[in-house]
């Protein structure tokens, strides 16, 4: 019941609760933004290591929460942390992750959301669509993926990317146009569904 109540609370309230030791509050923040964290990591380090980088970014964010001076800017702050962790990723850091600190392991044991895998295999029937999305410019591909694959609300995407909601809407619209044109040129099977407005096609 407490987790259900947390789902309706603003980010800044959850941040303050997490700072005071409420792991469930942080768990709710993880559920809100983990898809975006994984996608950002994936765009930098690739799919193979995206989960590791995302997990490290979230653990880093939890431990650094007391330093966040403006809790309402948590999404943008988390985005910066994620990019930083991904760019610093190296073989040495991977070996370090295998010897995870006790606090990290405790957090993983306490938070179901942190341990939940996000990169699921794409069904064969949608492989063509996934390939087409991957051919789009990165700013469009990520928005389409976050909105329709991860079902992340537009307002939350805008907060995470630190962009105006109008910009997010325009890029999403333009991305869908580019995707439709790409699929049509390639004679794909999804062009007709996209024209009917099926969100899962773009």
Protein backbone atom coordinates (compact mmCIF):
# COMPACT_ATOMS: atom_id res chain seq x y z
CA UNK A 1 0.00 0.00 0.00
CA UNK A 2 2.82 2.41 0.86
CA UNK A 3 4.44 1.87 -2.54
CA UNK A 4 1.11 2.59 -4.24
CA UNK A 5 0.79 5.87 -2.31
CA UNK A 6 4.36 6.78 -3.21
CA UNK A 7 3.55 6.45 -6.91
CA UNK A 8 1.44 9.63 -6.75
CA UNK A 9 3.99 11.78 -4.91
CA UNK A 10 6.12 14.44 -6.66
CA UNK A 11 9.79 13.69 -7.22
CA UNK A 12 10.96 16.25 -4.67
CA UNK A 13 8.87 14.67 -1.89
CA UNK A 14 10.26 11.24 -2.70
CA UNK A 15 13.80 12.63 -2.75
CA UNK A 16 13.40 14.12 0.73
CA UNK A 17 11.90 10.89 2.03
CA UNK A 18 14.76 8.88 0.55
CA UNK A 19 17.32 11.20 2.14
CA UNK A 20 15.64 10.47 5.49
CA UNK A 21 16.11 6.74 4.90
CA UNK A 22 12.91 5.66 3.15
CA UNK A 23 14.15 3.01 0.69
CA UNK A 24 10.64 2.59 -0.77
CA UNK A 25 10.63 6.25 -1.77
CA UNK A 26 13.86 5.78 -3.70
CA UNK A 27 12.46 2.56 -5.14
CA UNK A 28 9.59 4.62 -6.61
CA UNK A 29 12.06 7.07 -8.17
CA UNK A 30 13.95 4.14 -9.67
CA UNK A 31 10.78 2.74 -11.21
CA UNK A 32 10.02 6.15 -12.73
CA UNK A 33 13.41 6.82 -14.28
CA UNK A 34 15.22 3.51 -14.68
CA UNK A 35 14.08 3.03 -18.31
CA UNK A 36 15.57 6.40 -19.23
CA UNK A 37 18.77 5.68 -17.31
CA UNK A 38 19.20 2.37 -19.12
CA UNK A 39 18.57 3.93 -22.52
CA UNK A 40 21.08 6.73 -21.93
CA UNK A 41 23.68 4.21 -20.78
CA UNK A 42 22.94 2.00 -23.76
CA UNK A 43 23.48 4.89 -26.17
CA UNK A 44 27.01 5.34 -24.79
CA UNK A 45 28.31 1.89 -23.79
CA UNK A 46 26.06 -0.41 -25.83
CA UNK A 47 23.44 -2.93 -24.79
CA UNK A 48 25.87 -5.43 -23.26
CA UNK A 49 27.00 -3.11 -20.46
CA UNK A 50 24.03 -0.74 -20.20
CA UNK A 51 22.48 -2.59 -17.24
CA UNK A 52 25.73 -2.44 -15.27
CA UNK A 53 26.23 1.26 -15.93
CA UNK A 54 22.59 2.06 -15.16
CA UNK A 55 22.74 0.18 -11.88
CA UNK A 56 25.95 1.96 -10.90
CA UNK A 57 24.42 5.34 -11.79
CA UNK A 58 21.37 4.66 -9.63
CA UNK A 59 23.48 3.50 -6.70
CA UNK A 60 25.66 6.60 -7.06
CA UNK A 61 22.56 8.80 -7.14
CA UNK A 62 21.20 7.24 -3.95
CA UNK A 63 24.42 7.80 -2.05
CA UNK A 64 24.69 11.37 -3.37
CA UNK A 65 21.08 12.38 -2.64
CA UNK A 66 22.04 14.53 0.40
CA UNK A 67 24.14 16.71 -1.92
CA UNK A 68 21.19 17.50 -4.20
CA UNK A 69 20.35 21.12 -3.38
CA UNK A 70 17.23 21.33 -5.57
CA UNK A 71 15.21 18.09 -5.16
CA UNK A 72 12.75 19.17 -7.88
CA UNK A 73 15.62 18.89 -10.37
CA UNK A 74 16.23 15.23 -9.55
CA UNK A 75 15.52 13.96 -13.14
CA UNK A 76 18.07 16.28 -14.76
CA UNK A 77 20.59 15.55 -11.99
CA UNK A 78 20.12 11.81 -12.52
CA UNK A 79 20.63 12.26 -16.27
CA UNK A 80 23.97 13.99 -15.65
CA UNK A 81 25.08 11.24 -13.26
CA UNK A 82 24.14 8.57 -15.79
CA UNK A 83 26.10 10.18 -18.60
CA UNK A 84 29.08 10.66 -16.31
CA UNK A 85 29.05 7.02 -15.21
CA UNK A 86 28.72 5.79 -18.79
CA UNK A 87 31.58 7.96 -20.03
CA UNK A 88 33.83 6.79 -17.19
CA UNK A 89 33.06 3.16 -17.83
CA UNK A 90 36.17 1.02 -18.30
CA UNK A 91 37.48 -2.48 -17.79
CA UNK A 92 38.95 -1.43 -14.45
CA UNK A 93 35.54 -0.22 -13.27
CA UNK A 94 33.89 -3.45 -14.39
CA UNK A 95 36.31 -5.45 -12.21
CA UNK A 96 35.56 -3.08 -9.35
CA UNK A 97 31.85 -3.70 -9.77
CA UNK A 98 32.43 -7.43 -9.24
CA UNK A 99 33.72 -6.54 -5.76
CA UNK A 100 30.71 -4.40 -4.94
CA UNK A 101 30.81 -2.50 -1.66
CA UNK A 102 28.64 -3.76 1.17
CA UNK A 103 26.32 -0.73 0.97
CA UNK A 104 25.72 -1.32 -2.73
CA UNK A 105 24.84 -4.97 -2.14
CA UNK A 106 22.52 -4.03 0.72
CA UNK A 107 20.70 -1.54 -1.52
CA UNK A 108 20.31 -4.16 -4.23
CA UNK A 109 18.84 -6.59 -1.72
CA UNK A 110 16.43 -3.96 -0.36
CA UNK A 111 15.24 -2.48 -3.67
CA UNK A 112 13.40 -4.77 -6.04
CA UNK A 113 13.36 -2.04 -8.69
CA UNK A 114 17.16 -1.82 -8.79
CA UNK A 115 17.43 -5.55 -9.44
CA UNK A 116 14.73 -5.64 -12.09
CA UNK A 117 16.07 -6.19 -15.64
CA UNK A 118 14.98 -3.65 -18.24
CA UNK A 119 16.60 -4.77 -21.48
CA UNK A 120 14.25 -7.47 -22.64
CA UNK A 121 14.65 -9.34 -25.89
CA UNK A 122 12.72 -7.93 -28.84
CA UNK A 123 10.17 -10.37 -30.36
CA UNK A 124 11.18 -11.54 -33.82
CA UNK A 125 8.12 -9.94 -35.39
CA UNK A 126 9.27 -6.50 -34.18
CA UNK A 127 12.95 -6.91 -35.04
CA UNK A 128 12.46 -4.98 -38.29
CA UNK A 129 10.94 -2.04 -36.43
CA UNK A 130 13.70 -2.06 -33.85
CA UNK A 131 16.33 -1.98 -36.59
CA UNK A 132 14.56 0.95 -38.24
CA UNK A 133 14.43 2.90 -34.97
CA UNK A 134 18.13 2.29 -34.46
CA UNK A 135 18.81 3.96 -37.82
CA UNK A 136 17.19 7.21 -36.71
CA UNK A 137 19.26 10.10 -35.32
CA UNK A 138 19.90 9.37 -31.64
CA UNK A 139 17.71 12.19 -30.29
CA UNK A 140 14.67 10.77 -32.11
CA UNK A 141 15.45 7.10 -31.50
CA UNK A 142 15.75 7.60 -27.74
CA UNK A 143 12.48 9.55 -27.46
CA UNK A 144 10.54 6.96 -29.46
CA UNK A 145 12.02 4.17 -27.38
CA UNK A 146 11.29 5.86 -24.05
CA UNK A 147 7.74 6.82 -25.04
CA UNK A 148 6.50 3.66 -26.74
CA UNK A 149 8.75 0.83 -25.57
CA UNK A 150 9.25 2.00 -21.98
CA UNK A 151 5.89 3.86 -21.82
CA UNK A 152 7.44 6.82 -20.04
CA UNK A 153 5.18 9.92 -19.76
CA UNK A 154 6.18 12.86 -21.95
CA UNK A 155 6.44 15.23 -18.97
CA UNK A 156 8.83 12.85 -17.21
CA UNK A 157 10.95 12.47 -20.36
CA UNK A 158 11.15 16.27 -20.63
CA UNK A 159 12.27 16.56 -17.01
CA UNK A 160 14.88 13.84 -17.41
CA UNK A 161 16.27 15.31 -20.64
CA UNK A 162 16.07 18.88 -19.26
CA UNK A 163 14.14 20.01 -22.34
CA UNK A 164 10.83 21.89 -22.73
CA UNK A 165 7.80 19.66 -23.13
CA UNK A 166 7.04 21.35 -26.47
CA UNK A 167 10.49 20.35 -27.74
CA UNK A 168 9.94 16.75 -26.68
CA UNK A 169 6.55 16.67 -28.44
CA UNK A 170 7.99 18.15 -31.62
CA UNK A 171 10.95 15.74 -31.69
CA UNK A 172 8.65 12.80 -31.07
CA UNK A 173 6.38 13.90 -33.92
CA UNK A 174 9.35 14.42 -36.23
CA UNK A 175 10.88 11.10 -35.20
CA UNK A 176 7.68 9.28 -36.08
CA UNK A 177 7.67 10.97 -39.49
CA UNK A 178 11.27 9.93 -40.14
CA UNK A 179 10.54 6.39 -38.98
CA UNK A 180 7.53 6.09 -41.28
CA UNK A 181 9.56 7.39 -44.22
CA UNK A 182 12.41 5.00 -43.47
CA UNK A 183 10.14 1.97 -43.21
CA UNK A 184 8.29 2.95 -46.38
CA UNK A 185 11.57 3.28 -48.31
CA UNK A 186 12.65 -0.12 -47.10
CA UNK A 187 9.30 -1.68 -47.98
CA UNK A 188 8.78 -2.80 -44.40
CA UNK A 189 5.70 -4.42 -42.94
CA UNK A 190 5.00 -1.68 -40.39
CA UNK A 191 4.39 1.30 -42.62
CA UNK A 192 0.68 0.68 -42.96
CA UNK A 193 0.19 0.30 -39.18
CA UNK A 194 2.15 3.49 -38.55
CA UNK A 195 -0.15 5.36 -40.90
CA UNK A 196 -3.08 4.21 -38.80
CA UNK A 197 -1.47 5.79 -35.74
CA UNK A 198 -0.44 2.65 -33.82
CA UNK A 199 1.97 4.08 -31.20
CA UNK A 200 3.93 0.84 -31.03
CA UNK A 201 5.16 1.49 -34.54
CA UNK A 202 6.71 4.82 -33.74
